[in-house]
Amino acid sequence: MLLTIHDANLQKVAFIDNEKQGTLNYYDDTWTRSLATGSSTFEFTVFKKAVKSDLPLAKAYHHLNEHAFVSFKYKGKSFVFNIIIVEENEQTIKCYCENLNLELINELANPYKSNKAMTFKEYCEAMDLLNYTHLSIGINEISDYKRTLEWEGQETKLARLLSLAKRFDAEIEFDTQLNADSTIKKFSVNVYHENDDNHQGVGRVRNDVIVKYGKNIHSITRKVDKTGIFNTIRPTGKMPTVEEEPSGDKGSKSETVKNADGSTTKTTISTASDGTKSKTIVHTKVTKLADKTRITTTTTTRSDGSIEQTVTTSKKGGASTSETKVLKKPNPKEKTNTTEDVLTIEGLDEWEVKNEKGIVEFYQRGQALYAPISMQLYPSTFTHSTGELDQWTRKDFHFETDEPNELRRLGYLKLKKYCYPAITYEVDGFVDADIGDTVKVHDDGFAPLLMIQARVTDQKISFTNPVRNKTIFDNFKALENKLSADIQSAFERLFEAAKPYTIKLSTDNGVIFKNQIGQSLVTPTLYKGG
């Protein structure tokens, strides 16, 4: 692997190449890539030796300093690193590098609060995450998503960018492109929808890569942990409020946001003649059935605490019917208690989620969401004899939202994550895939055959010592073995028949004799598969 050294202006000044004796050579190198941060680090050590390009007062290794950059190409893609730490003695120079600029790494982003829903790009511009870092947004899969967000403390611009991506349910990766003279052509951040059942996120699905025990991995360790399991959640949010601002403006201001599930949320802030402000949030979701029936559910939440829902059913070629019900009445003007009002999901339309077998896996009752299958598998007490109501393990969570449908969605995601044991797989081995790639893993050391799908989340690569290469997988998902028992038995018979026969010889007196005179009994043994 050829390493190019650049000066502070990214001009080429020297090379490090282990395949050529006339250049500097490096060793003890580790390139570490991470999905969580979207960035990477590179460490290497160089021998301080004389090379042909040296000048009387300027050695090639002098260019390895805190002002320099290092770059290389991997799979046709350029990677540029900023030298952050330099350790030097009489014989060697060790460099620690990061693939980001100092503006992102060191400069702080100030507290910020938005009074309206904004896109990912608008937040980046408002908090100066792009302007002074010479960073631009490349791919943006969430360009039409909007959020109303707030950050209270200071943090580095990199930490703020990662926090912003997380709150937009997104993943990011940094991409650097060079011109022919090695100057920066483009430094961009690609933003992807986070990995789920419908989106890949960073990386791609690698159907061409199958990781097998004994071939590209040494072992797989499976860990099942039910610490923290719960199967009932009561989500709460905040009631819609409007901050008082001195303004003589009258009228109303509206903003509509498209949600990830296809629904829309319209927020309207109205100002009365006396300056009083109120907020109204209208959430609309359209569901189309197989018989082309269209169901429109509109939920209206107001600052006075009231929640109203209208369900309109429209059949093709027929009349439309609407039903409106009050989910929550307005709060009384004079309260008899000081309990803080919170938003709940009580009164929302009936809701349930079925699994692939058609069994109800999640449902709502009142202010809580339930996971009945989880309760049956992991009851809260030692026996079911105490009655079903005592078997639920409940946790309450508060979410920063003032819209009941969004509150239910967030509660469902939290319940879905913690209602079953956390199953993790530790894989020992290296796979030649990129960060974020999804691969299939097979291991016949488990019964039945272990078939899982996993993503590459971290990687360590050494160009000079590939034995140190390591791939870390996460986001494991067990794949269903759809082979029938007969087919599996047939495969086992074919596998057994394919095992080769081996003859091994043993002797009782060896095969080397003093003065070439002696005797030994040779015994042949036939092995299958050995």
Protein backbone atom coordinates (compact mmCIF):
# COMPACT_ATOMS: atom_id res chain seq x y z
CA MET A 1 0.00 0.00 0.00
CA LEU A 2 1.45 3.34 -1.09
CA LEU A 3 1.18 6.19 1.44
CA THR A 4 1.45 9.77 0.20
CA ILE A 5 2.64 12.54 2.51
CA HIS A 6 1.13 16.00 1.94
CA ASP A 7 2.14 19.33 3.42
CA ALA A 8 -0.27 21.74 5.13
CA ASN A 9 -1.53 22.85 1.69
CA LEU A 10 -2.09 19.22 0.64
CA GLN A 11 0.76 19.32 -1.87
CA LYS A 12 2.60 16.00 -2.36
CA VAL A 13 6.00 16.14 -0.65
CA ALA A 14 7.05 12.49 -0.10
CA PHE A 15 6.01 8.85 -0.39
CA ILE A 16 6.10 5.79 1.86
CA ASP A 17 6.16 2.50 -0.04
CA ASN A 18 7.14 -0.88 1.40
CA GLU A 19 7.52 -2.37 -2.07
CA LYS A 20 10.41 -0.04 -2.94
CA GLN A 21 13.73 0.15 -1.16
CA GLY A 22 14.46 3.71 -2.26
CA THR A 23 11.60 5.18 -0.22
CA LEU A 24 10.58 5.32 3.40
CA ASN A 25 9.03 2.12 4.77
CA TYR A 26 6.34 1.72 7.42
CA TYR A 27 5.18 -0.99 9.83
CA ASP A 28 2.94 -1.56 12.87
CA ASP A 29 0.03 0.05 10.98
CA THR A 30 -3.66 -0.12 11.93
CA TRP A 31 -6.54 1.44 10.03
CA THR A 32 -9.65 1.55 12.25
CA ARG A 33 -13.07 2.28 10.76
CA SER A 34 -16.31 2.80 12.70
CA LEU A 35 -19.95 2.86 11.63
CA ALA A 36 -21.04 4.72 14.77
CA THR A 37 -18.91 7.81 14.03
CA GLY A 38 -18.72 7.52 10.25
CA SER A 39 -15.00 8.28 10.50
CA SER A 40 -11.70 6.40 10.76
CA THR A 41 -8.21 6.58 12.26
CA PHE A 42 -4.83 5.41 10.94
CA GLU A 43 -1.69 4.64 12.93
CA PHE A 44 1.70 3.69 11.53
CA THR A 45 5.41 3.80 12.34
CA VAL A 46 8.24 4.77 9.98
CA PHE A 47 11.98 4.02 10.23
CA LYS A 48 14.10 7.15 10.02
CA LYS A 49 16.41 6.24 7.16
CA ALA A 50 18.12 8.00 4.31
CA VAL A 51 16.47 7.77 0.88
CA LYS A 52 17.40 9.00 -2.59
CA SER A 53 15.09 12.00 -2.46
CA ASP A 54 16.78 13.40 0.67
CA LEU A 55 18.41 16.82 0.50
CA PRO A 56 21.43 17.78 2.62
CA LEU A 57 19.31 19.66 5.16
CA ALA A 58 15.90 18.08 4.50
CA LYS A 59 15.21 14.41 5.03
CA ALA A 60 12.07 12.79 3.63
CA TYR A 61 10.92 11.74 7.09
CA HIS A 62 11.02 15.40 8.22
CA HIS A 63 7.72 15.83 6.37
CA LEU A 64 6.01 13.57 8.92
CA ASN A 65 5.06 16.31 11.36
CA GLU A 66 2.01 17.83 13.00
CA HIS A 67 1.34 20.01 9.93
CA ALA A 68 1.13 17.15 7.46
CA PHE A 69 -1.52 14.90 5.95
CA VAL A 70 -1.32 11.29 4.78
CA SER A 71 -3.43 9.67 2.08
CA PHE A 72 -3.84 6.32 0.36
CA LYS A 73 -6.26 4.62 -2.02
CA TYR A 74 -8.27 1.58 -0.99
CA LYS A 75 -10.61 -0.22 -3.40
CA GLY A 76 -10.40 2.77 -5.76
CA LYS A 77 -11.43 5.30 -3.10
CA SER A 78 -9.20 8.02 -1.62
CA PHE A 79 -8.73 8.38 2.14
CA VAL A 80 -7.06 11.48 3.58
CA PHE A 81 -5.86 11.68 7.18
CA ASN A 82 -4.84 14.61 9.35
CA ILE A 83 -1.75 13.80 11.45
CA ILE A 84 -2.87 14.55 15.01
CA ILE A 85 -0.14 13.02 17.20
CA VAL A 86 3.54 12.46 16.38
CA GLU A 87 5.86 10.40 18.60
CA GLU A 88 9.54 10.43 17.62
CA ASN A 89 12.80 9.01 18.90
CA GLU A 90 16.25 8.50 17.37
CA GLN A 91 15.15 5.60 15.12
CA THR A 92 11.41 5.86 14.45
CA ILE A 93 8.46 8.20 13.98
CA LYS A 94 4.98 7.05 15.02
CA CYS A 95 1.93 8.90 13.67
CA TYR A 96 -1.69 8.87 14.80
CA CYS A 97 -4.09 10.30 12.21
CA GLU A 98 -7.81 11.04 11.85
CA ASN A 99 -9.75 11.49 8.60
CA LEU A 100 -11.44 14.75 9.73
CA ASN A 101 -10.29 18.36 9.98
CA LEU A 102 -9.55 20.18 13.23
CA GLU A 103 -12.67 22.34 12.88
CA LEU A 104 -14.87 19.27 13.35
CA ILE A 105 -12.67 17.59 15.94
CA ASN A 106 -11.83 20.51 18.23
CA GLU A 107 -14.22 23.45 17.72
CA LEU A 108 -17.31 23.60 19.92
CA ALA A 109 -20.93 24.01 18.86
CA ASN A 110 -22.97 26.24 21.16
CA PRO A 111 -26.37 25.45 22.72
CA TYR A 112 -29.15 25.76 20.19
CA LYS A 113 -32.94 25.66 20.25
CA SER A 114 -35.22 25.78 17.24
CA ASN A 115 -38.68 27.31 17.48
CA LYS A 116 -39.83 25.52 14.34
CA ALA A 117 -39.38 22.22 12.56
CA MET A 118 -36.23 22.22 10.42
CA THR A 119 -34.47 19.84 8.04
CA PHE A 120 -31.10 18.19 8.65
CA LYS A 121 -29.39 20.62 6.29
CA GLU A 122 -31.03 23.66 7.91
CA TYR A 123 -29.73 22.58 11.33
CA CYS A 124 -26.22 22.11 9.90
CA GLU A 125 -26.29 25.62 8.47
CA ALA A 126 -27.85 27.21 11.57
CA MET A 127 -25.20 25.71 13.87
CA ASP A 128 -22.28 26.35 11.45
CA LEU A 129 -21.51 22.66 11.12
CA LEU A 130 -20.81 23.04 7.39
CA ASN A 131 -19.65 26.59 6.63
CA TYR A 132 -16.29 26.75 8.39
CA THR A 133 -15.48 23.05 8.13
CA HIS A 134 -15.55 23.16 4.29
CA LEU A 135 -17.97 20.25 4.57
CA SER A 136 -20.94 19.76 2.27
CA ILE A 137 -23.85 17.34 2.28
CA GLY A 138 -23.63 14.70 -0.43
CA ILE A 139 -26.21 11.92 -0.43
CA ASN A 140 -29.19 12.86 1.75
CA GLU A 141 -31.91 10.23 2.14
CA ILE A 142 -33.76 12.25 4.79
CA SER A 143 -33.87 15.59 3.00
CA ASP A 144 -37.65 15.98 3.46
CA TYR A 145 -37.68 15.10 7.18
CA LYS A 146 -38.13 17.89 9.71
CA ARG A 147 -37.69 18.00 13.49
CA THR A 148 -38.00 20.58 16.26
CA LEU A 149 -34.87 20.04 18.36
CA GLU A 150 -32.86 21.57 21.18
CA TRP A 151 -29.31 21.19 22.54
CA GLU A 152 -28.59 22.67 25.96
CA GLY A 153 -24.82 22.27 26.35
CA GLN A 154 -21.67 22.74 24.30
CA GLU A 155 -20.00 19.87 22.42
CA THR A 156 -17.58 19.46 19.54
CA LYS A 157 -18.96 19.98 16.05
CA LEU A 158 -18.36 16.29 15.32
CA ALA A 159 -20.34 15.26 18.41
CA ARG A 160 -23.13 17.70 17.46
CA LEU A 161 -23.24 16.31 13.91
CA LEU A 162 -23.49 12.75 15.24
CA SER A 163 -26.19 13.81 17.73
CA LEU A 164 -28.13 15.53 14.95
CA ALA A 165 -27.98 12.39 12.80
CA LYS A 166 -29.19 10.22 15.68
CA ARG A 167 -32.15 12.49 16.37
CA PHE A 168 -33.09 12.32 12.70
CA ASP A 169 -32.88 8.48 12.83
CA ALA A 170 -29.99 8.63 10.38
CA GLU A 171 -26.46 7.29 9.81
CA ILE A 172 -23.59 9.28 8.32
CA GLU A 173 -20.30 8.64 6.56
CA PHE A 174 -17.57 11.07 5.53
CA ASP A 175 -16.32 11.03 1.95
CA THR A 176 -13.16 12.73 0.65
CA GLN A 177 -12.39 13.14 -3.04
CA LEU A 178 -9.04 14.40 -4.39
CA ASN A 179 -8.03 16.24 -7.53
CA ALA A 180 -5.25 14.92 -9.77
CA ASP A 181 -2.72 17.07 -7.85
CA SER A 182 -3.98 15.57 -4.54
CA THR A 183 -5.71 18.75 -3.37
CA ILE A 184 -9.20 18.39 -1.92
CA LYS A 185 -11.87 18.17 -4.61
CA LYS A 186 -14.77 17.50 -2.28
CA PHE A 187 -15.22 16.84 1.44
CA SER A 188 -18.77 15.71 2.09
CA VAL A 189 -20.95 13.90 4.59
CA ASN A 190 -23.43 11.37 3.24
CA VAL A 191 -26.62 11.02 5.26
CA TYR A 192 -28.63 7.79 5.13
CA HIS A 193 -31.84 6.65 6.78
CA GLU A 194 -30.83 4.40 9.67
CA ASN A 195 -30.79 0.65 9.11
CA ASP A 196 -34.18 -1.01 9.58
CA ASP A 197 -36.45 -3.47 7.80
CA ASN A 198 -36.91 -1.07 4.86
CA HIS A 199 -33.58 0.79 4.69
CA GLN A 200 -29.96 -0.35 4.50
CA GLY A 201 -28.27 2.78 5.83
CA VAL A 202 -24.52 3.05 5.27
CA GLY A 203 -23.10 0.22 3.16
CA ARG A 204 -24.94 -2.30 1.02
CA VAL A 205 -26.39 -5.79 1.16
CA ARG A 206 -23.61 -8.20 0.14
CA ASN A 207 -25.34 -11.30 -1.16
CA ASP A 208 -22.00 -12.24 -2.73
CA VAL A 209 -20.35 -12.58 0.69
CA ILE A 210 -21.15 -15.56 2.91
CA VAL A 211 -19.17 -15.83 6.12
CA LYS A 212 -18.61 -19.44 7.14
CA TYR A 213 -17.14 -20.95 10.26
CA GLY A 214 -13.77 -22.50 9.47
CA LYS A 215 -13.39 -20.51 6.25
CA ASN A 216 -13.25 -16.78 6.93
CA ILE A 217 -14.00 -16.81 10.68
CA HIS A 218 -12.50 -18.79 13.55
CA SER A 219 -15.46 -18.90 15.95
CA ILE A 220 -18.86 -17.41 16.84
CA THR A 221 -19.98 -16.82 20.42
CA ARG A 222 -23.68 -16.29 21.06
CA LYS A 223 -24.79 -14.40 24.19
CA VAL A 224 -28.41 -14.15 25.36
CA ASP A 225 -29.10 -11.50 28.02
CA LYS A 226 -32.56 -10.73 29.38
CA THR A 227 -31.39 -8.04 31.79
CA GLY A 228 -33.66 -5.02 31.43
CA ILE A 229 -36.58 -6.84 29.76
CA PHE A 230 -40.03 -5.29 30.09
CA ASN A 231 -43.26 -5.95 28.21
CA THR A 232 -45.44 -2.97 29.13
CA ILE A 233 -44.62 0.67 28.53
CA ARG A 234 -46.49 3.81 29.48
CA PRO A 235 -45.12 6.59 27.27
CA THR A 236 -45.68 10.22 28.19
CA GLY A 237 -44.89 13.44 26.33
CA LYS A 238 -45.25 17.14 26.85
CA MET A 239 -48.44 19.11 26.33
CA PRO A 240 -48.39 21.56 23.39
CA THR A 241 -47.21 24.95 24.63
CA VAL A 242 -46.11 28.17 23.00
CA GLU A 243 -43.31 30.29 24.40
CA GLU A 244 -44.34 33.86 24.99
CA GLU A 245 -42.47 36.30 22.78
CA PRO A 246 -43.06 40.06 22.66
CA SER A 247 -44.77 40.58 19.31
CA GLY A 248 -47.58 42.72 18.00
CA ASP A 249 -48.27 40.36 15.10
CA LYS A 250 -51.74 38.87 14.81
CA GLY A 251 -53.04 35.91 12.85
CA SER A 252 -51.59 32.41 12.48
CA LYS A 253 -48.50 30.66 11.15
CA SER A 254 -48.56 27.03 9.96
CA GLU A 255 -45.95 24.45 9.04
CA THR A 256 -46.49 20.93 7.69
CA VAL A 257 -43.96 18.12 8.21
CA LYS A 258 -43.88 14.77 6.43
CA ASN A 259 -43.18 11.89 8.82
CA ALA A 260 -41.17 8.73 8.20
CA ASP A 261 -44.32 6.54 8.13
CA GLY A 262 -45.93 8.62 5.37
CA SER A 263 -48.21 10.61 7.67
CA THR A 264 -48.12 14.39 8.00
CA THR A 265 -48.08 16.72 10.98
CA LYS A 266 -49.31 20.29 10.64
CA THR A 267 -48.45 22.72 13.44
CA THR A 268 -50.31 26.02 13.62
CA ILE A 269 -49.44 28.83 16.05
CA SER A 270 -52.18 31.41 16.36
CA THR A 271 -51.96 34.86 17.95
CA ALA A 272 -55.15 36.48 19.25
CA SER A 273 -55.83 40.24 19.32
CA ASP A 274 -54.78 40.38 22.97
CA GLY A 275 -51.43 38.75 22.16
CA THR A 276 -52.35 35.34 23.55
CA LYS A 277 -50.77 32.49 21.62
CA SER A 278 -52.02 28.93 21.14
CA LYS A 279 -50.73 25.87 19.32
CA THR A 280 -52.72 23.31 17.35
CA ILE A 281 -51.15 20.10 16.05
CA VAL A 282 -53.00 18.11 13.38
CA HIS A 283 -51.67 14.64 12.59
CA THR A 284 -53.08 13.00 9.44
CA LYS A 285 -52.52 9.43 8.35
CA VAL A 286 -54.06 7.76 5.30
CA THR A 287 -54.45 3.97 5.15
CA LYS A 288 -55.42 2.17 1.95
CA LEU A 289 -56.99 -1.28 2.22
CA ALA A 290 -56.89 -4.11 -0.32
CA ASP A 291 -60.46 -3.38 -1.48
CA LYS A 292 -59.35 0.23 -2.24
CA THR A 293 -61.09 1.59 0.83
CA ARG A 294 -59.36 4.75 2.05
CA ILE A 295 -59.26 5.49 5.80
CA THR A 296 -58.08 8.94 6.86
CA THR A 297 -57.36 9.40 10.57
CA THR A 298 -56.94 12.98 11.76
CA THR A 299 -55.85 13.66 15.35
CA THR A 300 -55.99 17.24 16.61
CA THR A 301 -54.10 18.25 19.76
CA ARG A 302 -54.53 21.75 21.22
CA SER A 303 -52.74 23.87 23.81
CA ASP A 304 -55.70 23.60 26.19
CA GLY A 305 -54.99 19.88 26.55
CA SER A 306 -57.87 18.66 24.40
CA ILE A 307 -57.40 15.88 21.85
CA GLU A 308 -59.95 15.14 19.14
CA GLN A 309 -59.88 12.43 16.48
CA THR A 310 -61.82 12.13 13.22
CA VAL A 311 -61.85 8.92 11.17
CA THR A 312 -63.13 9.23 7.59
CA THR A 313 -63.82 6.07 5.58
CA SER A 314 -64.14 6.39 1.80
CA LYS A 315 -65.10 3.44 -0.39
CA LYS A 316 -64.54 3.47 -4.12
CA GLY A 317 -67.76 4.47 -5.85
CA GLY A 318 -69.53 4.97 -2.53
CA ALA A 319 -70.18 7.67 0.01
CA SER A 320 -67.75 8.74 2.71
CA THR A 321 -68.53 8.40 6.41
CA SER A 322 -66.88 10.31 9.22
CA GLU A 323 -66.83 9.73 12.96
CA THR A 324 -65.43 12.22 15.43
CA LYS A 325 -64.72 11.51 19.07
CA VAL A 326 -63.14 13.49 21.89
CA LEU A 327 -60.11 11.63 23.21
CA LYS A 328 -59.39 14.15 25.94
CA LYS A 329 -61.37 17.14 27.21
CA PRO A 330 -59.77 20.57 27.72
CA ASN A 331 -57.98 21.16 31.00
CA PRO A 332 -60.00 23.15 33.55
CA LYS A 333 -58.97 26.78 33.81
CA GLU A 334 -58.64 26.56 37.57
CA LYS A 335 -56.73 23.46 38.66
CA THR A 336 -57.37 21.88 42.04
CA ASN A 337 -53.96 20.15 42.09
CA THR A 338 -50.43 21.04 41.09
CA THR A 339 -49.76 17.85 39.13
CA GLU A 340 -47.99 18.65 35.88
CA ASP A 341 -50.00 17.84 32.77
CA VAL A 342 -48.41 15.28 30.51
CA LEU A 343 -49.39 13.96 27.10
CA THR A 344 -50.47 10.29 26.93
CA ILE A 345 -51.75 7.97 24.20
CA GLU A 346 -55.07 7.28 25.94
CA GLY A 347 -58.03 7.52 23.58
CA LEU A 348 -56.13 7.01 20.32
CA ASP A 349 -57.64 4.66 17.76
CA GLU A 350 -57.29 0.91 18.27
CA TRP A 351 -53.79 -0.25 17.47
CA GLU A 352 -52.02 -3.59 17.24
CA VAL A 353 -49.08 -5.18 15.43
CA LYS A 354 -49.07 -8.82 14.34
CA ASN A 355 -46.00 -10.95 13.68
CA GLU A 356 -45.30 -13.00 10.55
CA LYS A 357 -47.51 -15.81 11.86
CA GLY A 358 -50.52 -13.51 12.30
CA ILE A 359 -50.29 -13.49 16.11
CA VAL A 360 -50.76 -10.17 17.91
CA GLU A 361 -47.32 -9.18 19.20
CA PHE A 362 -48.08 -5.63 20.39
CA TYR A 363 -51.27 -3.78 21.26
CA GLN A 364 -52.52 -0.69 23.09
CA ARG A 365 -54.86 -0.52 26.07
CA GLY A 366 -55.52 2.85 27.66
CA GLN A 367 -52.29 4.74 28.29
CA ALA A 368 -49.98 1.74 27.83
CA LEU A 369 -48.57 -0.51 25.11
CA TYR A 370 -48.27 -4.26 25.71
CA ALA A 371 -46.16 -7.10 24.31
CA PRO A 372 -48.21 -10.27 25.11
CA ILE A 373 -45.80 -12.80 23.57
CA SER A 374 -42.98 -11.37 25.64
CA MET A 375 -45.14 -11.60 28.79
CA GLN A 376 -45.83 -15.31 28.13
CA LEU A 377 -42.18 -16.09 27.52
CA TYR A 378 -40.77 -13.93 30.30
CA PRO A 379 -43.41 -13.47 33.06
CA SER A 380 -42.63 -11.07 35.88
CA THR A 381 -43.19 -13.71 38.60
CA PHE A 382 -42.18 -17.33 39.03
CA THR A 383 -45.61 -18.75 38.20
CA HIS A 384 -48.71 -17.89 36.16
CA SER A 385 -50.97 -18.88 39.07
CA THR A 386 -51.08 -15.30 40.34
CA GLY A 387 -53.14 -14.26 37.31
CA GLU A 388 -52.26 -12.62 34.04
CA LEU A 389 -52.42 -9.06 35.36
CA ASP A 390 -49.44 -9.71 37.65
CA GLN A 391 -47.23 -11.08 34.90
CA TRP A 392 -46.43 -7.82 33.12
CA THR A 393 -43.15 -5.99 33.71
CA ARG A 394 -43.78 -2.28 33.22
CA LYS A 395 -41.60 0.77 32.65
CA ASP A 396 -42.59 4.40 32.13
CA PHE A 397 -40.71 6.62 29.67
CA HIS A 398 -40.99 10.31 28.88
CA PHE A 399 -40.37 11.47 25.30
CA GLU A 400 -39.80 14.98 23.94
CA THR A 401 -42.87 15.16 21.70
CA ASP A 402 -46.22 16.92 21.94
CA GLU A 403 -48.06 14.82 19.32
CA PRO A 404 -49.87 11.64 20.56
CA ASN A 405 -49.33 9.54 17.42
CA GLU A 406 -45.62 10.28 17.45
CA LEU A 407 -45.60 9.48 21.18
CA ARG A 408 -47.10 6.06 20.46
CA ARG A 409 -44.54 5.43 17.71
CA LEU A 410 -41.65 6.25 20.02
CA GLY A 411 -43.10 4.10 22.79
CA TYR A 412 -43.55 1.19 20.39
CA LEU A 413 -39.92 1.41 19.21
CA LYS A 414 -38.70 1.42 22.81
CA LEU A 415 -40.91 -1.54 23.78
CA LYS A 416 -39.91 -3.47 20.65
CA LYS A 417 -36.25 -3.06 21.56
CA TYR A 418 -36.53 -4.27 25.16
CA CYS A 419 -39.36 -6.82 25.22
CA TYR A 420 -37.07 -9.70 24.19
CA PRO A 421 -33.58 -10.71 25.36
CA ALA A 422 -30.63 -8.98 23.76
CA ILE A 423 -28.95 -11.60 21.58
CA THR A 424 -25.45 -10.74 20.47
CA TYR A 425 -22.88 -12.66 18.46
CA GLU A 426 -19.16 -12.13 18.77
CA VAL A 427 -17.37 -13.14 15.59
CA ASP A 428 -13.64 -13.84 15.58
CA GLY A 429 -12.27 -13.29 12.08
CA PHE A 430 -11.93 -10.85 9.18
CA VAL A 431 -14.24 -10.33 6.21
CA ASP A 432 -13.28 -8.23 3.19
CA ALA A 433 -16.36 -6.00 3.29
CA ASP A 434 -16.93 -2.29 3.84
CA ILE A 435 -18.37 -0.49 6.85
CA GLY A 436 -22.16 -0.89 7.04
CA ASP A 437 -22.26 -3.85 4.65
CA THR A 438 -24.75 -6.60 5.52
CA VAL A 439 -23.55 -10.19 5.12
CA LYS A 440 -24.83 -13.67 5.94
CA VAL A 441 -23.08 -15.81 8.53
CA HIS A 442 -23.33 -19.62 8.63
CA ASP A 443 -22.04 -21.83 11.44
CA ASP A 444 -22.72 -25.59 11.51
CA GLY A 445 -21.26 -25.80 15.02
CA PHE A 446 -24.72 -24.94 16.38
CA ALA A 447 -27.75 -27.22 16.35
CA PRO A 448 -29.78 -26.43 14.35
CA LEU A 449 -27.52 -24.73 11.80
CA LEU A 450 -26.91 -21.11 12.82
CA MET A 451 -27.84 -18.70 10.04
CA ILE A 452 -27.70 -15.01 10.88
CA GLN A 453 -27.51 -11.69 9.08
CA ALA A 454 -25.07 -9.11 10.39
CA ARG A 455 -23.62 -5.68 9.60
CA VAL A 456 -19.99 -4.66 9.63
CA THR A 457 -19.78 -1.97 12.33
CA ASP A 458 -16.05 -1.80 13.04
CA GLN A 459 -12.92 -2.88 11.19
CA LYS A 460 -9.22 -3.02 11.90
CA ILE A 461 -6.97 -3.42 8.84
CA SER A 462 -3.19 -3.74 8.76
CA PHE A 463 -1.57 -3.50 5.32
CA THR A 464 1.79 -4.84 6.57
CA ASN A 465 0.47 -7.56 8.88
CA PRO A 466 -2.92 -8.92 7.66
CA VAL A 467 -2.97 -11.43 10.54
CA ARG A 468 -4.07 -8.51 12.74
CA ASN A 469 -7.10 -7.75 10.54
CA LYS A 470 -10.38 -7.91 12.44
CA THR A 471 -14.03 -7.34 11.61
CA ILE A 472 -16.67 -6.59 14.25
CA PHE A 473 -20.31 -7.34 13.45
CA ASP A 474 -23.52 -6.00 14.99
CA ASN A 475 -27.23 -5.64 14.12
CA PHE A 476 -27.52 -9.40 14.11
CA LYS A 477 -30.74 -10.90 12.87
CA ALA A 478 -31.45 -14.61 12.99
CA LEU A 479 -32.54 -16.00 9.63
CA GLU A 480 -35.21 -18.67 9.51
CA ASN A 481 -34.02 -22.06 8.33
CA LYS A 482 -36.75 -22.86 5.79
CA LEU A 483 -35.42 -26.27 4.78
CA SER A 484 -37.72 -29.17 5.63
CA ALA A 485 -36.49 -32.03 7.82
CA ASP A 486 -36.30 -34.37 4.79
CA ILE A 487 -34.21 -31.89 2.80
CA GLN A 488 -31.91 -31.30 5.76
CA SER A 489 -31.46 -35.05 6.19
CA ALA A 490 -30.65 -35.36 2.49
CA PHE A 491 -28.07 -32.60 2.82
CA GLU A 492 -26.53 -34.33 5.81
CA ARG A 493 -26.30 -37.61 3.86
CA LEU A 494 -24.69 -35.83 0.90
CA PHE A 495 -22.29 -34.06 3.23
CA GLU A 496 -21.38 -37.35 4.90
CA ALA A 497 -20.91 -39.06 1.52
CA ALA A 498 -18.66 -36.24 0.34
CA LYS A 499 -16.18 -36.72 3.16
CA PRO A 500 -12.91 -38.16 1.75
CA TYR A 501 -11.21 -41.34 2.94
CA THR A 502 -7.67 -41.07 4.29
CA ILE A 503 -5.17 -43.85 5.01
CA LYS A 504 -2.71 -43.20 7.82
CA LEU A 505 0.23 -45.47 8.63
CA SER A 506 1.68 -46.24 12.04
CA THR A 507 4.78 -48.25 12.97
CA ASP A 508 5.94 -49.96 16.15
CA ASN A 509 9.66 -49.31 15.61
CA GLY A 510 9.91 -46.28 13.35
CA VAL A 511 11.41 -46.22 9.86
CA ILE A 512 15.02 -45.23 10.53
CA PHE A 513 17.42 -48.02 11.57
CA LYS A 514 21.00 -48.04 12.79
CA ASN A 515 23.35 -49.27 10.06
CA GLN A 516 20.20 -49.55 7.88
CA ILE A 517 19.38 -52.90 9.50
CA GLY A 518 16.17 -53.58 11.45
CA GLN A 519 12.48 -54.27 11.21
CA SER A 520 9.22 -52.48 12.00
CA LEU A 521 5.56 -53.47 11.82
CA VAL A 522 3.54 -51.08 9.64
CA THR A 523 -0.20 -50.84 10.41
CA PRO A 524 -2.54 -48.98 7.97
CA THR A 525 -5.73 -47.32 9.28
CA LEU A 526 -8.59 -46.05 7.10
CA TYR A 527 -10.28 -42.80 8.22
CA LYS A 528 -13.35 -41.08 6.81
CA GLY A 529 -13.29 -37.29 6.78
CA GLY A 530 -10.07 -37.18 8.75
